[in-house]
Amino acid sequence: MNIDHIGFNVSDFKKSREFYIAALAPLGLKIIGEGENWAMMGTNKCDFVFGQEGEVTKGLHLAFVAANHEQVDTFYEAAMKNGAQDNGAPGLCPEYSPTYYAAFVIDPNGHNLEVVCRG
């Protein structure tokens, strides 16, 4: 199964925009399009859309791919500096696989964000 992009609603667009820009910059993700209360992020195409245009999505889990352990570590540091709550510091997760290196945070909307390097 391939997913082209995902969209979800947030409780505070401005705060979420600032958070995602800072936390996902280490992965090369950036705003690639936006309107008054919504934004698209990706590397060279829209990977996900978030906005303040309806009922707030609850309990979403998003896992982003990192090229290396440094990107995982940098994501975690940036997310924590920008209002995230710790949900699992960077490290190996052998329960998933021997080389699964990931970090988990809860974003300002209560979503579980993960960045993982499988190599």
PDB file of N, CA and C in Angstrom:
ATOM      1  N   MET A   1       0.847  -1.180   0.000  1.00  0.00           N
ATOM      2  CA  MET A   1       0.000   0.000   0.000  1.00  0.00           C
ATOM      3  C   MET A   1       0.885   1.232   0.000  1.00  0.00           C
ATOM      4  N   ASN A   2       0.583   2.139  -0.884  1.00  0.00           N
ATOM      5  CA  ASN A   2       1.272   3.427  -0.916  1.00  0.00           C
ATOM      6  C   ASN A   2       0.280   4.526  -0.610  1.00  0.00           C
ATOM      7  N   ILE A   3       0.694   5.462   0.200  1.00  0.00           N
ATOM      8  CA  ILE A   3      -0.139   6.617   0.534  1.00  0.00           C
ATOM      9  C   ILE A   3       0.530   7.849  -0.059  1.00  0.00           C
ATOM     10  N   ASP A   4      -0.217   8.639  -0.793  1.00  0.00           N
ATOM     11  CA  ASP A   4       0.338   9.839  -1.408  1.00  0.00           C
ATOM     12  C   ASP A   4       0.515  10.963  -0.399  1.00  0.00           C
ATOM     13  N   HIS A   5      -0.513  11.201   0.400  1.00  0.00           N
ATOM     14  CA  HIS A   5      -0.419  12.224   1.451  1.00  0.00           C
ATOM     15  C   HIS A   5      -1.525  11.988   2.469  1.00  0.00           C
ATOM     16  N   ILE A   6      -1.424  12.688   3.574  1.00  0.00           N
ATOM     17  CA  ILE A   6      -2.404  12.581   4.647  1.00  0.00           C
ATOM     18  C   ILE A   6      -2.762  13.996   5.088  1.00  0.00           C
ATOM     19  N   GLY A   7      -3.972  14.178   5.577  1.00  0.00           N
ATOM     20  CA  GLY A   7      -4.407  15.475   6.076  1.00  0.00           C
ATOM     21  C   GLY A   7      -5.087  15.333   7.416  1.00  0.00           C
ATOM     22  N   PHE A   8      -4.933  16.350   8.250  1.00  0.00           N
ATOM     23  CA  PHE A   8      -5.571  16.320   9.561  1.00  0.00           C
ATOM     24  C   PHE A   8      -5.776  17.741  10.066  1.00  0.00           C
ATOM     25  N   ASN A   9      -6.719  17.869  10.992  1.00  0.00           N
ATOM     26  CA  ASN A   9      -7.024  19.164  11.596  1.00  0.00           C
ATOM     27  C   ASN A   9      -6.267  19.343  12.901  1.00  0.00           C
ATOM     28  N   VAL A  10      -5.937  20.597  13.193  1.00  0.00           N
ATOM     29  CA  VAL A  10      -5.202  20.963  14.406  1.00  0.00           C
ATOM     30  C   VAL A  10      -6.003  22.003  15.184  1.00  0.00           C
ATOM     31  N   SER A  11      -5.673  22.139  16.453  1.00  0.00           N
ATOM     32  CA  SER A  11      -6.422  23.069  17.308  1.00  0.00           C
ATOM     33  C   SER A  11      -5.935  24.510  17.177  1.00  0.00           C
ATOM     34  N   ASP A  12      -4.674  24.711  16.880  1.00  0.00           N
ATOM     35  CA  ASP A  12      -4.094  26.050  16.770  1.00  0.00           C
ATOM     36  C   ASP A  12      -3.158  26.044  15.565  1.00  0.00           C
ATOM     37  N   PHE A  13      -3.635  26.588  14.452  1.00  0.00           N
ATOM     38  CA  PHE A  13      -2.859  26.529  13.215  1.00  0.00           C
ATOM     39  C   PHE A  13      -1.501  27.212  13.351  1.00  0.00           C
ATOM     40  N   LYS A  14      -1.463  28.424  13.881  1.00  0.00           N
ATOM     41  CA  LYS A  14      -0.199  29.168  13.961  1.00  0.00           C
ATOM     42  C   LYS A  14       0.827  28.405  14.801  1.00  0.00           C
ATOM     43  N   LYS A  15       0.413  27.921  15.958  1.00  0.00           N
ATOM     44  CA  LYS A  15       1.318  27.176  16.835  1.00  0.00           C
ATOM     45  C   LYS A  15       1.775  25.881  16.158  1.00  0.00           C
ATOM     46  N   SER A  16       0.856  25.181  15.511  1.00  0.00           N
ATOM     47  CA  SER A  16       1.196  23.936  14.823  1.00  0.00           C
ATOM     48  C   SER A  16       2.145  24.198  13.668  1.00  0.00           C
ATOM     49  N   ARG A  17       1.907  25.257  12.915  1.00  0.00           N
ATOM     50  CA  ARG A  17       2.779  25.613  11.785  1.00  0.00           C
ATOM     51  C   ARG A  17       4.202  25.828  12.275  1.00  0.00           C
ATOM     52  N   GLU A  18       4.358  26.643  13.319  1.00  0.00           N
ATOM     53  CA  GLU A  18       5.691  26.904  13.869  1.00  0.00           C
ATOM     54  C   GLU A  18       6.349  25.622  14.359  1.00  0.00           C
ATOM     55  N   PHE A  19       5.587  24.775  15.042  1.00  0.00           N
ATOM     56  CA  PHE A  19       6.120  23.524  15.565  1.00  0.00           C
ATOM     57  C   PHE A  19       6.593  22.617  14.437  1.00  0.00           C
ATOM     58  N   TYR A  20       5.748  22.372  13.440  1.00  0.00           N
ATOM     59  CA  TYR A  20       6.106  21.455  12.366  1.00  0.00           C
ATOM     60  C   TYR A  20       7.284  21.975  11.541  1.00  0.00           C
ATOM     61  N   ILE A  21       7.348  23.275  11.299  1.00  0.00           N
ATOM     62  CA  ILE A  21       8.491  23.830  10.566  1.00  0.00           C
ATOM     63  C   ILE A  21       9.789  23.521  11.311  1.00  0.00           C
ATOM     64  N   ALA A  22       9.811  23.762  12.612  1.00  0.00           N
ATOM     65  CA  ALA A  22      11.034  23.542  13.402  1.00  0.00           C
ATOM     66  C   ALA A  22      11.350  22.056  13.561  1.00  0.00           C
ATOM     67  N   ALA A  23      10.354  21.264  13.925  1.00  0.00           N
ATOM     68  CA  ALA A  23      10.597  19.856  14.245  1.00  0.00           C
ATOM     69  C   ALA A  23      10.930  19.019  13.011  1.00  0.00           C
ATOM     70  N   LEU A  24      10.377  19.373  11.855  1.00  0.00           N
ATOM     71  CA  LEU A  24      10.568  18.544  10.673  1.00  0.00           C
ATOM     72  C   LEU A  24      11.639  19.062   9.717  1.00  0.00           C
ATOM     73  N   ALA A  25      12.205  20.222  10.015  1.00  0.00           N
ATOM     74  CA  ALA A  25      13.295  20.756   9.189  1.00  0.00           C
ATOM     75  C   ALA A  25      14.475  19.794   9.087  1.00  0.00           C
ATOM     76  N   PRO A  26      14.849  19.089  10.174  1.00  0.00           N
ATOM     77  CA  PRO A  26      15.973  18.153  10.044  1.00  0.00           C
ATOM     78  C   PRO A  26      15.748  17.053   9.005  1.00  0.00           C
ATOM     79  N   LEU A  27      14.494  16.803   8.626  1.00  0.00           N
ATOM     80  CA  LEU A  27      14.173  15.778   7.640  1.00  0.00           C
ATOM     81  C   LEU A  27      14.041  16.351   6.233  1.00  0.00           C
ATOM     82  N   GLY A  28      14.225  17.659   6.105  1.00  0.00           N
ATOM     83  CA  GLY A  28      14.086  18.307   4.809  1.00  0.00           C
ATOM     84  C   GLY A  28      12.665  18.666   4.446  1.00  0.00           C
ATOM     85  N   LEU A  29      11.730  18.492   5.374  1.00  0.00           N
ATOM     86  CA  LEU A  29      10.332  18.849   5.117  1.00  0.00           C
ATOM     87  C   LEU A  29      10.145  20.350   5.327  1.00  0.00           C
ATOM     88  N   LYS A  30       9.354  20.953   4.464  1.00  0.00           N
ATOM     89  CA  LYS A  30       9.093  22.384   4.563  1.00  0.00           C
ATOM     90  C   LYS A  30       7.694  22.686   4.042  1.00  0.00           C
ATOM     91  N   ILE A  31       7.230  23.888   4.313  1.00  0.00           N
ATOM     92  CA  ILE A  31       5.948  24.341   3.782  1.00  0.00           C
ATOM     93  C   ILE A  31       6.106  24.493   2.273  1.00  0.00           C
ATOM     94  N   ILE A  32       5.236  23.824   1.518  1.00  0.00           N
ATOM     95  CA  ILE A  32       5.306  23.942   0.058  1.00  0.00           C
ATOM     96  C   ILE A  32       4.064  24.610  -0.523  1.00  0.00           C
ATOM     97  N   GLY A  33       3.108  24.906   0.333  1.00  0.00           N
ATOM     98  CA  GLY A  33       1.902  25.617  -0.073  1.00  0.00           C
ATOM     99  C   GLY A  33       1.061  25.871   1.160  1.00  0.00           C
ATOM    100  N   GLU A  34       0.335  26.990   1.155  1.00  0.00           N
ATOM    101  CA  GLU A  34      -0.510  27.267   2.315  1.00  0.00           C
ATOM    102  C   GLU A  34      -1.573  28.285   1.993  1.00  0.00           C
ATOM    103  N   GLY A  35      -2.580  28.289   2.845  1.00  0.00           N
ATOM    104  CA  GLY A  35      -3.660  29.250   2.774  1.00  0.00           C
ATOM    105  C   GLY A  35      -3.824  29.889   4.139  1.00  0.00           C
ATOM    106  N   GLU A  36      -4.976  30.490   4.367  1.00  0.00           N
ATOM    107  CA  GLU A  36      -5.191  31.230   5.611  1.00  0.00           C
ATOM    108  C   GLU A  36      -5.085  30.353   6.859  1.00  0.00           C
ATOM    109  N   ASN A  37      -5.680  29.182   6.850  1.00  0.00           N
ATOM    110  CA  ASN A  37      -5.666  28.310   8.024  1.00  0.00           C
ATOM    111  C   ASN A  37      -5.241  26.884   7.705  1.00  0.00           C
ATOM    112  N   TRP A  38      -4.416  26.704   6.664  1.00  0.00           N
ATOM    113  CA  TRP A  38      -3.936  25.381   6.309  1.00  0.00           C
ATOM    114  C   TRP A  38      -2.572  25.483   5.664  1.00  0.00           C
ATOM    115  N   ALA A  39      -1.819  24.385   5.708  1.00  0.00           N
ATOM    116  CA  ALA A  39      -0.501  24.337   5.070  1.00  0.00           C
ATOM    117  C   ALA A  39      -0.218  22.921   4.588  1.00  0.00           C
ATOM    118  N   MET A  40       0.548  22.852   3.507  1.00  0.00           N
ATOM    119  CA  MET A  40       1.031  21.577   2.969  1.00  0.00           C
ATOM    120  C   MET A  40       2.525  21.511   3.247  1.00  0.00           C
ATOM    121  N   MET A  41       2.992  20.340   3.703  1.00  0.00           N
ATOM    122  CA  MET A  41       4.421  20.148   3.934  1.00  0.00           C
ATOM    123  C   MET A  41       4.905  18.953   3.133  1.00  0.00           C
ATOM    124  N   GLY A  42       6.166  19.028   2.745  1.00  0.00           N
ATOM    125  CA  GLY A  42       6.783  17.925   2.029  1.00  0.00           C
ATOM    126  C   GLY A  42       8.210  18.273   1.673  1.00  0.00           C
ATOM    127  N   THR A  43       8.814  17.422   0.872  1.00  0.00           N
ATOM    128  CA  THR A  43      10.161  17.693   0.387  1.00  0.00           C
ATOM    129  C   THR A  43      10.069  18.283  -1.018  1.00  0.00           C
ATOM    130  N   ASN A  44       9.467  17.556  -1.932  1.00  0.00           N
ATOM    131  CA  ASN A  44       9.281  18.090  -3.278  1.00  0.00           C
ATOM    132  C   ASN A  44       7.837  17.956  -3.759  1.00  0.00           C
ATOM    133  N   LYS A  45       6.974  17.405  -2.902  1.00  0.00           N
ATOM    134  CA  LYS A  45       5.543  17.323  -3.172  1.00  0.00           C
ATOM    135  C   LYS A  45       4.831  17.357  -1.825  1.00  0.00           C
ATOM    136  N   CYS A  46       3.525  17.460  -1.843  1.00  0.00           N
ATOM    137  CA  CYS A  46       2.761  17.466  -0.601  1.00  0.00           C
ATOM    138  C   CYS A  46       2.758  16.065   0.001  1.00  0.00           C
ATOM    139  N   ASP A  47       3.353  15.939   1.205  1.00  0.00           N
ATOM    140  CA  ASP A  47       3.311  14.676   1.936  1.00  0.00           C
ATOM    141  C   ASP A  47       2.203  14.683   2.978  1.00  0.00           C
ATOM    142  N   PHE A  48       1.946  15.869   3.565  1.00  0.00           N
ATOM    143  CA  PHE A  48       0.810  15.978   4.463  1.00  0.00           C
ATOM    144  C   PHE A  48       0.309  17.409   4.534  1.00  0.00           C
ATOM    145  N   VAL A  49      -0.961  17.521   4.889  1.00  0.00           N
ATOM    146  CA  VAL A  49      -1.659  18.798   4.990  1.00  0.00           C
ATOM    147  C   VAL A  49      -2.226  18.886   6.397  1.00  0.00           C
ATOM    148  N   PHE A  50      -2.115  20.039   7.000  1.00  0.00           N
ATOM    149  CA  PHE A  50      -2.765  20.253   8.289  1.00  0.00           C
ATOM    150  C   PHE A  50      -3.440  21.613   8.257  1.00  0.00           C
ATOM    151  N   GLY A  51      -4.504  21.742   9.036  1.00  0.00           N
ATOM    152  CA  GLY A  51      -5.215  23.003   9.052  1.00  0.00           C
ATOM    153  C   GLY A  51      -6.192  23.086  10.197  1.00  0.00           C
ATOM    154  N   GLN A  52      -6.724  24.267  10.345  1.00  0.00           N
ATOM    155  CA  GLN A  52      -7.702  24.547  11.387  1.00  0.00           C
ATOM    156  C   GLN A  52      -9.019  24.817  10.682  1.00  0.00           C
ATOM    157  N   GLU A  53      -9.606  23.749  10.135  1.00  0.00           N
ATOM    158  CA  GLU A  53     -10.796  23.911   9.302  1.00  0.00           C
ATOM    159  C   GLU A  53     -11.906  22.941   9.656  1.00  0.00           C
ATOM    160  N   GLY A  54     -11.979  22.515  10.890  1.00  0.00           N
ATOM    161  CA  GLY A  54     -13.019  21.579  11.273  1.00  0.00           C
ATOM    162  C   GLY A  54     -12.681  20.943  12.596  1.00  0.00           C
ATOM    163  N   GLU A  55     -13.356  19.850  12.871  1.00  0.00           N
ATOM    164  CA  GLU A  55     -13.133  19.131  14.116  1.00  0.00           C
ATOM    165  C   GLU A  55     -11.680  18.667  14.190  1.00  0.00           C
ATOM    166  N   VAL A  56     -11.074  18.856  15.360  1.00  0.00           N
ATOM    167  CA  VAL A  56      -9.672  18.505  15.546  1.00  0.00           C
ATOM    168  C   VAL A  56      -9.501  16.992  15.544  1.00  0.00           C
ATOM    169  N   THR A  57      -8.577  16.529  14.729  1.00  0.00           N
ATOM    170  CA  THR A  57      -8.233  15.114  14.667  1.00  0.00           C
ATOM    171  C   THR A  57      -7.582  14.725  15.987  1.00  0.00           C
ATOM    172  N   LYS A  58      -7.926  13.567  16.523  1.00  0.00           N
ATOM    173  CA  LYS A  58      -7.385  13.120  17.813  1.00  0.00           C
ATOM    174  C   LYS A  58      -6.542  11.867  17.648  1.00  0.00           C
ATOM    175  N   GLY A  59      -5.455  11.801  18.421  1.00  0.00           N
ATOM    176  CA  GLY A  59      -4.677  10.587  18.570  1.00  0.00           C
ATOM    177  C   GLY A  59      -3.996  10.048  17.328  1.00  0.00           C
ATOM    178  N   LEU A  60      -3.624  10.901  16.408  1.00  0.00           N
ATOM    179  CA  LEU A  60      -2.971  10.470  15.178  1.00  0.00           C
ATOM    180  C   LEU A  60      -1.535  10.042  15.459  1.00  0.00           C
ATOM    181  N   HIS A  61      -1.055   9.018  14.774  1.00  0.00           N
ATOM    182  CA  HIS A  61       0.342   8.600  14.828  1.00  0.00           C
ATOM    183  C   HIS A  61       0.932   8.779  13.443  1.00  0.00           C
ATOM    184  N   LEU A  62       1.961   9.624  13.343  1.00  0.00           N
ATOM    185  CA  LEU A  62       2.656   9.838  12.076  1.00  0.00           C
ATOM    186  C   LEU A  62       4.101   9.414  12.252  1.00  0.00           C
ATOM    187  N   ALA A  63       4.599   8.566  11.373  1.00  0.00           N
ATOM    188  CA  ALA A  63       5.993   8.131  11.415  1.00  0.00           C
ATOM    189  C   ALA A  63       6.694   8.632  10.157  1.00  0.00           C
ATOM    190  N   PHE A  64       7.747   9.399  10.358  1.00  0.00           N
ATOM    191  CA  PHE A  64       8.519   9.973   9.265  1.00  0.00           C
ATOM    192  C   PHE A  64       9.840   9.223   9.115  1.00  0.00           C
ATOM    193  N   VAL A  65      10.312   9.089   7.897  1.00  0.00           N
ATOM    194  CA  VAL A  65      11.558   8.386   7.615  1.00  0.00           C
ATOM    195  C   VAL A  65      12.738   9.329   7.772  1.00  0.00           C
ATOM    196  N   ALA A  66      13.755   8.859   8.482  1.00  0.00           N
ATOM    197  CA  ALA A  66      15.016   9.586   8.610  1.00  0.00           C
ATOM    198  C   ALA A  66      16.087   8.832   7.838  1.00  0.00           C
ATOM    199  N   ALA A  67      17.035   9.563   7.278  1.00  0.00           N
ATOM    200  CA  ALA A  67      18.125   8.950   6.523  1.00  0.00           C
ATOM    201  C   ALA A  67      19.193   8.361   7.431  1.00  0.00           C
ATOM    202  N   ASN A  68      19.265   8.890   8.671  1.00  0.00           N
ATOM    203  CA  ASN A  68      20.316   8.445   9.582  1.00  0.00           C
ATOM    204  C   ASN A  68      19.915   8.753  11.024  1.00  0.00           C
ATOM    205  N   HIS A  69      20.709   8.264  11.954  1.00  0.00           N
ATOM    206  CA  HIS A  69      20.418   8.469  13.376  1.00  0.00           C
ATOM    207  C   HIS A  69      20.500   9.948  13.755  1.00  0.00           C
ATOM    208  N   GLU A  70      21.391  10.690  13.127  1.00  0.00           N
ATOM    209  CA  GLU A  70      21.526  12.120  13.439  1.00  0.00           C
ATOM    210  C   GLU A  70      20.226  12.872  13.157  1.00  0.00           C
ATOM    211  N   GLN A  71      19.549  12.544  12.076  1.00  0.00           N
ATOM    212  CA  GLN A  71      18.274  13.199  11.783  1.00  0.00           C
ATOM    213  C   GLN A  71      17.238  12.875  12.856  1.00  0.00           C
ATOM    214  N   VAL A  72      17.229  11.652  13.342  1.00  0.00           N
ATOM    215  CA  VAL A  72      16.311  11.275  14.421  1.00  0.00           C
ATOM    216  C   VAL A  72      16.613  12.122  15.657  1.00  0.00           C
ATOM    217  N   ASP A  73      17.877  12.200  16.021  1.00  0.00           N
ATOM    218  CA  ASP A  73      18.285  12.962  17.202  1.00  0.00           C
ATOM    219  C   ASP A  73      17.950  14.445  17.056  1.00  0.00           C
ATOM    220  N   THR A  74      18.222  15.008  15.880  1.00  0.00           N
ATOM    221  CA  THR A  74      17.978  16.433  15.643  1.00  0.00           C
ATOM    222  C   THR A  74      16.488  16.745  15.653  1.00  0.00           C
ATOM    223  N   PHE A  75      15.672  15.859  15.063  1.00  0.00           N
ATOM    224  CA  PHE A  75      14.218  16.015  15.133  1.00  0.00           C
ATOM    225  C   PHE A  75      13.768  16.085  16.590  1.00  0.00           C
ATOM    226  N   TYR A  76      14.212  15.130  17.392  1.00  0.00           N
ATOM    227  CA  TYR A  76      13.791  15.056  18.793  1.00  0.00           C
ATOM    228  C   TYR A  76      14.164  16.338  19.539  1.00  0.00           C
ATOM    229  N   GLU A  77      15.386  16.801  19.372  1.00  0.00           N
ATOM    230  CA  GLU A  77      15.842  18.032  20.038  1.00  0.00           C
ATOM    231  C   GLU A  77      15.000  19.229  19.603  1.00  0.00           C
ATOM    232  N   ALA A  78      14.762  19.365  18.299  1.00  0.00           N
ATOM    233  CA  ALA A  78      13.971  20.495  17.791  1.00  0.00           C
ATOM    234  C   ALA A  78      12.533  20.425  18.280  1.00  0.00           C
ATOM    235  N   ALA A  79      11.952  19.245  18.264  1.00  0.00           N
ATOM    236  CA  ALA A  79      10.572  19.089  18.722  1.00  0.00           C
ATOM    237  C   ALA A  79      10.448  19.449  20.203  1.00  0.00           C
ATOM    238  N   MET A  80      11.369  18.962  21.017  1.00  0.00           N
ATOM    239  CA  MET A  80      11.316  19.238  22.452  1.00  0.00           C
ATOM    240  C   MET A  80      11.498  20.723  22.744  1.00  0.00           C
ATOM    241  N   LYS A  81      12.333  21.404  21.970  1.00  0.00           N
ATOM    242  CA  LYS A  81      12.557  22.847  22.151  1.00  0.00           C
ATOM    243  C   LYS A  81      11.356  23.670  21.709  1.00  0.00           C
ATOM    244  N   ASN A  82      10.449  23.037  20.941  1.00  0.00           N
ATOM    245  CA  ASN A  82       9.310  23.771  20.393  1.00  0.00           C
ATOM    246  C   ASN A  82       7.971  23.283  20.920  1.00  0.00           C
ATOM    247  N   GLY A  83       7.970  22.752  22.134  1.00  0.00           N
ATOM    248  CA  GLY A  83       6.715  22.465  22.815  1.00  0.00           C
ATOM    249  C   GLY A  83       6.236  21.032  22.817  1.00  0.00           C
ATOM    250  N   ALA A  84       7.021  20.091  22.299  1.00  0.00           N
ATOM    251  CA  ALA A  84       6.606  18.692  22.316  1.00  0.00           C
ATOM    252  C   ALA A  84       6.771  18.104  23.707  1.00  0.00           C
ATOM    253  N   GLN A  85       6.067  17.029  23.945  1.00  0.00           N
ATOM    254  CA  GLN A  85       6.242  16.230  25.159  1.00  0.00           C
ATOM    255  C   GLN A  85       6.960  14.946  24.765  1.00  0.00           C
ATOM    256  N   ASP A  86       7.883  14.522  25.607  1.00  0.00           N
ATOM    257  CA  ASP A  86       8.623  13.293  25.343  1.00  0.00           C
ATOM    258  C   ASP A  86       7.681  12.100  25.318  1.00  0.00           C
ATOM    259  N   ASN A  87       7.857  11.247  24.322  1.00  0.00           N
ATOM    260  CA  ASN A  87       7.108   9.993  24.258  1.00  0.00           C
ATOM    261  C   ASN A  87       8.043   8.835  23.903  1.00  0.00           C
ATOM    262  N   GLY A  88       9.354   9.086  24.039  1.00  0.00           N
ATOM    263  CA  GLY A  88      10.358   8.068  23.742  1.00  0.00           C
ATOM    264  C   GLY A  88      11.586   8.701  23.131  1.00  0.00           C
ATOM    265  N   ALA A  89      12.622   8.877  23.938  1.00  0.00           N
ATOM    266  CA  ALA A  89      13.866   9.506  23.477  1.00  0.00           C
ATOM    267  C   ALA A  89      14.517   8.676  22.381  1.00  0.00           C
ATOM    268  N   PRO A  90      15.383   9.291  21.570  1.00  0.00           N
ATOM    269  CA  PRO A  90      16.053   8.561  20.499  1.00  0.00           C
ATOM    270  C   PRO A  90      16.789   7.328  21.012  1.00  0.00           C
ATOM    271  N   GLY A  91      16.646   6.252  20.274  1.00  0.00           N
ATOM    272  CA  GLY A  91      17.346   5.024  20.625  1.00  0.00           C
ATOM    273  C   GLY A  91      16.852   3.853  19.808  1.00  0.00           C
ATOM    274  N   LEU A  92      17.543   2.739  19.984  1.00  0.00           N
ATOM    275  CA  LEU A  92      17.140   1.514  19.307  1.00  0.00           C
ATOM    276  C   LEU A  92      15.844   0.973  19.899  1.00  0.00           C
ATOM    277  N   CYS A  93      15.009   0.416  19.050  1.00  0.00           N
ATOM    278  CA  CYS A  93      13.755  -0.217  19.451  1.00  0.00           C
ATOM    279  C   CYS A  93      13.794  -1.655  18.950  1.00  0.00           C
ATOM    280  N   PRO A  94      14.542  -2.513  19.634  1.00  0.00           N
ATOM    281  CA  PRO A  94      14.714  -3.884  19.142  1.00  0.00           C
ATOM    282  C   PRO A  94      13.420  -4.688  19.105  1.00  0.00           C
ATOM    283  N   GLU A  95      12.389  -4.229  19.798  1.00  0.00           N
ATOM    284  CA  GLU A  95      11.108  -4.921  19.728  1.00  0.00           C
ATOM    285  C   GLU A  95      10.488  -4.815  18.334  1.00  0.00           C
ATOM    286  N   TYR A  96      10.920  -3.810  17.532  1.00  0.00           N
ATOM    287  CA  TYR A  96      10.438  -3.656  16.157  1.00  0.00           C
ATOM    288  C   TYR A  96      11.375  -4.349  15.173  1.00  0.00           C
ATOM    289  N   SER A  97      12.675  -4.128  15.333  1.00  0.00           N
ATOM    290  CA  SER A  97      13.709  -4.820  14.561  1.00  0.00           C
ATOM    291  C   SER A  97      15.057  -4.420  15.156  1.00  0.00           C
ATOM    292  N   PRO A  98      16.099  -5.203  14.884  1.00  0.00           N
ATOM    293  CA  PRO A  98      17.405  -4.924  15.500  1.00  0.00           C
ATOM    294  C   PRO A  98      18.014  -3.571  15.119  1.00  0.00           C
ATOM    295  N   THR A  99      17.619  -3.010  13.966  1.00  0.00           N
ATOM    296  CA  THR A  99      18.214  -1.746  13.516  1.00  0.00           C
ATOM    297  C   THR A  99      17.227  -0.574  13.558  1.00  0.00           C
ATOM    298  N   TYR A 100      16.090  -0.747  14.190  1.00  0.00           N
ATOM    299  CA  TYR A 100      15.031   0.280  14.244  1.00  0.00           C
ATOM    300  C   TYR A 100      15.438   1.338  15.263  1.00  0.00           C
ATOM    301  N   TYR A 101      15.865   2.515  14.769  1.00  0.00           N
ATOM    302  CA  TYR A 101      16.295   3.618  15.628  1.00  0.00           C
ATOM    303  C   TYR A 101      15.268   4.730  15.488  1.00  0.00           C
ATOM    304  N   ALA A 102      14.628   5.120  16.583  1.00  0.00           N
ATOM    305  CA  ALA A 102      13.515   6.069  16.485  1.00  0.00           C
ATOM    306  C   ALA A 102      13.436   6.976  17.699  1.00  0.00           C
ATOM    307  N   ALA A 103      12.673   8.040  17.526  1.00  0.00           N
ATOM    308  CA  ALA A 103      12.313   8.945  18.615  1.00  0.00           C
ATOM    309  C   ALA A 103      10.835   9.254  18.474  1.00  0.00           C
ATOM    310  N   PHE A 104      10.177   9.460  19.608  1.00  0.00           N
ATOM    311  CA  PHE A 104       8.737   9.714  19.641  1.00  0.00           C
ATOM    312  C   PHE A 104       8.452  10.945  20.491  1.00  0.00           C
ATOM    313  N   VAL A 105       7.566  11.808  19.999  1.00  0.00           N
ATOM    314  CA  VAL A 105       7.119  12.967  20.770  1.00  0.00           C
ATOM    315  C   VAL A 105       5.613  13.120  20.607  1.00  0.00           C
ATOM    316  N   ILE A 106       5.008  13.804  21.550  1.00  0.00           N
ATOM    317  CA  ILE A 106       3.606  14.215  21.434  1.00  0.00           C
ATOM    318  C   ILE A 106       3.624  15.684  21.032  1.00  0.00           C
ATOM    319  N   ASP A 107       3.014  15.984  19.896  1.00  0.00           N
ATOM    320  CA  ASP A 107       3.025  17.361  19.387  1.00  0.00           C
ATOM    321  C   ASP A 107       2.004  18.225  20.130  1.00  0.00           C
ATOM    322  N   PRO A 108       1.945  19.525  19.839  1.00  0.00           N
ATOM    323  CA  PRO A 108       1.014  20.412  20.554  1.00  0.00           C
ATOM    324  C   PRO A 108      -0.472  20.048  20.419  1.00  0.00           C
ATOM    325  N   ASN A 109      -0.801  19.152  19.478  1.00  0.00           N
ATOM    326  CA  ASN A 109      -2.189  18.734  19.279  1.00  0.00           C
ATOM    327  C   ASN A 109      -2.489  17.367  19.871  1.00  0.00           C
ATOM    328  N   GLY A 110      -1.497  16.766  20.524  1.00  0.00           N
ATOM    329  CA  GLY A 110      -1.691  15.452  21.117  1.00  0.00           C
ATOM    330  C   GLY A 110      -1.393  14.297  20.176  1.00  0.00           C
ATOM    331  N   HIS A 111      -0.812  14.591  19.008  1.00  0.00           N
ATOM    332  CA  HIS A 111      -0.472  13.549  18.055  1.00  0.00           C
ATOM    333  C   HIS A 111       0.892  12.953  18.386  1.00  0.00           C
ATOM    334  N   ASN A 112       1.027  11.645  18.171  1.00  0.00           N
ATOM    335  CA  ASN A 112       2.275  10.936  18.404  1.00  0.00           C
ATOM    336  C   ASN A 112       3.102  10.984  17.120  1.00  0.00           C
ATOM    337  N   LEU A 113       4.181  11.782  17.134  1.00  0.00           N
ATOM    338  CA  LEU A 113       5.065  11.860  15.980  1.00  0.00           C
ATOM    339  C   LEU A 113       6.277  10.986  16.235  1.00  0.00           C
ATOM    340  N   GLU A 114       6.648  10.229  15.234  1.00  0.00           N
ATOM    341  CA  GLU A 114       7.803   9.348  15.287  1.00  0.00           C
ATOM    342  C   GLU A 114       8.699   9.658  14.120  1.00  0.00           C
ATOM    343  N   VAL A 115      10.005   9.634  14.348  1.00  0.00           N
ATOM    344  CA  VAL A 115      10.960   9.679  13.248  1.00  0.00           C
ATOM    345  C   VAL A 115      11.825   8.441  13.400  1.00  0.00           C
ATOM    346  N   VAL A 116      11.954   7.683  12.292  1.00  0.00           N
ATOM    347  CA  VAL A 116      12.624   6.391  12.362  1.00  0.00           C
ATOM    348  C   VAL A 116      13.654   6.230  11.243  1.00  0.00           C
ATOM    349  N   CYS A 117      14.773   5.655  11.622  1.00  0.00           N
ATOM    350  CA  CYS A 117      15.800   5.224  10.687  1.00  0.00           C
ATOM    351  C   CYS A 117      15.910   3.712  10.854  1.00  0.00           C
ATOM    352  N   ARG A 118      15.705   2.975   9.784  1.00  0.00           N
ATOM    353  CA  ARG A 118      15.705   1.518   9.867  1.00  0.00           C
ATOM    354  C   ARG A 118      17.059   0.899   9.539  1.00  0.00           C
ATOM    355  N   GLY A 119      18.068   1.722   9.286  1.00  0.00           N
ATOM    356  CA  GLY A 119      19.385   1.189   8.925  1.00  0.00           C
ATOM    357  C   GLY A 119      20.430   1.382   9.973  1.00  0.00           C
TER     358      GLY A 119
END
